[in-house]
Protein backbone atom coordinates (compact mmCIF):
# COMPACT_ATOMS: atom_id res chain seq x y z
CA MET A 1 9.09 10.03 -12.23
CA ALA A 2 7.14 7.70 -9.98
CA THR A 3 6.68 8.92 -6.43
CA ILE A 4 4.90 7.64 -3.37
CA ARG A 5 3.50 9.80 -0.62
CA LEU A 6 3.51 8.72 3.01
CA GLY A 7 1.89 11.36 5.15
CA LYS A 8 3.33 14.72 4.15
CA ARG A 9 6.55 13.29 2.71
CA ARG A 10 7.17 12.26 -0.89
CA PHE A 11 9.66 9.62 -1.95
CA ASN A 12 10.98 9.18 -5.47
CA LEU A 13 11.05 5.70 -6.97
CA PRO A 14 13.33 4.51 -9.78
CA GLU A 15 12.28 5.26 -13.35
CA ASN A 16 12.67 1.64 -14.44
CA ARG A 17 9.52 -0.44 -13.90
CA ALA A 18 11.53 -3.63 -13.34
CA TYR A 19 13.44 -1.98 -10.49
CA ARG A 20 10.20 -0.82 -8.85
CA LEU A 21 8.71 -4.31 -9.12
CA GLY A 22 11.91 -5.79 -7.70
CA ILE A 23 11.99 -3.37 -4.78
CA GLY A 24 8.32 -4.03 -4.01
CA GLY A 25 8.82 -7.79 -4.20
CA LEU A 26 11.86 -7.67 -1.93
CA LEU A 27 10.01 -5.54 0.60
CA ILE A 28 7.10 -7.99 0.66
CA PHE A 29 9.50 -10.93 0.99
CA GLY A 30 11.26 -9.16 3.85
CA GLY A 31 7.91 -8.44 5.49
CA VAL A 32 6.98 -12.12 5.37
CA LEU A 33 10.23 -12.81 7.22
CA GLY A 34 9.41 -10.08 9.74
CA PHE A 35 9.90 -12.35 12.72
CA LEU A 36 13.65 -12.17 12.10
CA PRO A 37 15.56 -9.51 14.09
CA VAL A 38 16.72 -7.27 11.22
CA LEU A 39 13.58 -7.44 9.09
CA GLY A 40 10.20 -6.18 10.19
CA PHE A 41 6.53 -6.49 9.40
CA TRP A 42 6.55 -2.80 8.40
CA MET A 43 8.11 -3.91 5.10
CA LEU A 44 4.94 -5.72 4.00
CA PRO A 45 2.62 -2.70 3.57
CA LEU A 46 5.47 -0.64 2.15
CA GLY A 47 6.06 -3.31 -0.49
CA PHE A 48 2.38 -3.21 -1.48
CA ILE A 49 2.53 0.58 -1.73
CA VAL A 50 5.53 0.38 -4.06
CA LEU A 51 3.85 -2.32 -6.18
CA ALA A 52 0.67 -0.24 -6.40
CA THR A 53 2.43 2.25 -8.66
CA ASP A 54 2.58 -0.38 -11.43
CA ILE A 55 -0.11 -3.00 -10.75
CA PRO A 56 -3.75 -1.83 -10.88
CA VAL A 57 -5.09 -4.76 -8.82
CA VAL A 58 -2.74 -3.90 -5.94
CA ARG A 59 -3.67 -0.22 -6.31
CA ARG A 60 -7.37 -1.04 -5.85
CA MET A 61 -6.62 -3.29 -2.89
CA ASN A 62 -4.52 -0.54 -1.24
CA ARG A 63 -7.32 1.97 -1.75
CA ARG A 64 -9.95 -0.32 -0.23
CA VAL A 65 -7.74 -1.06 2.77
CA SER A 66 -6.89 2.61 3.31
CA VAL A 67 -10.58 3.60 3.19
CA ALA A 68 -11.50 0.81 5.62
CA VAL A 69 -8.73 1.81 8.04
CA LYS A 70 -9.72 5.48 7.83
CA ARG A 71 -13.37 4.61 8.58
CA TRP A 72 -12.30 2.39 11.47
CA TRP A 73 -9.95 5.04 12.87
CA THR A 74 -12.54 7.83 12.75
CA GLY A 75 -15.42 5.60 13.80
CA THR A 76 -17.59 6.47 10.82
CA LYS A 77 -19.92 4.02 9.18
CA ARG A 78 -20.81 3.62 5.56
CA GLY A 79 -23.72 5.82 4.51
CA PRO A 80 -27.12 4.29 3.68
CA ARG A 81 -27.38 3.00 0.16
CA SER A 82 -29.90 4.67 -2.03
CA GLN A 83 -32.73 2.28 -2.77
CA SER A 84 -34.86 2.73 -5.82
CA THR A 85 -38.36 1.29 -5.58
């Protein structure tokens, strides 16, 4: 069963891949319309998280963004690259 983890909580996703893609697409669409009263911009990242369970490109993008946000939040910089001469 596909699950996503947000903080310490785990959420189960549907077994069917088409349902997961549909849910992720609808969340992203709702996030784009976040200026409307009922919908919100919180739906956009959640949609990408749901899509990341099935699409490797989105999974890599989510990982890069999460690492960048973590580095920004903690104030750490990237370590020096090893240079071979």
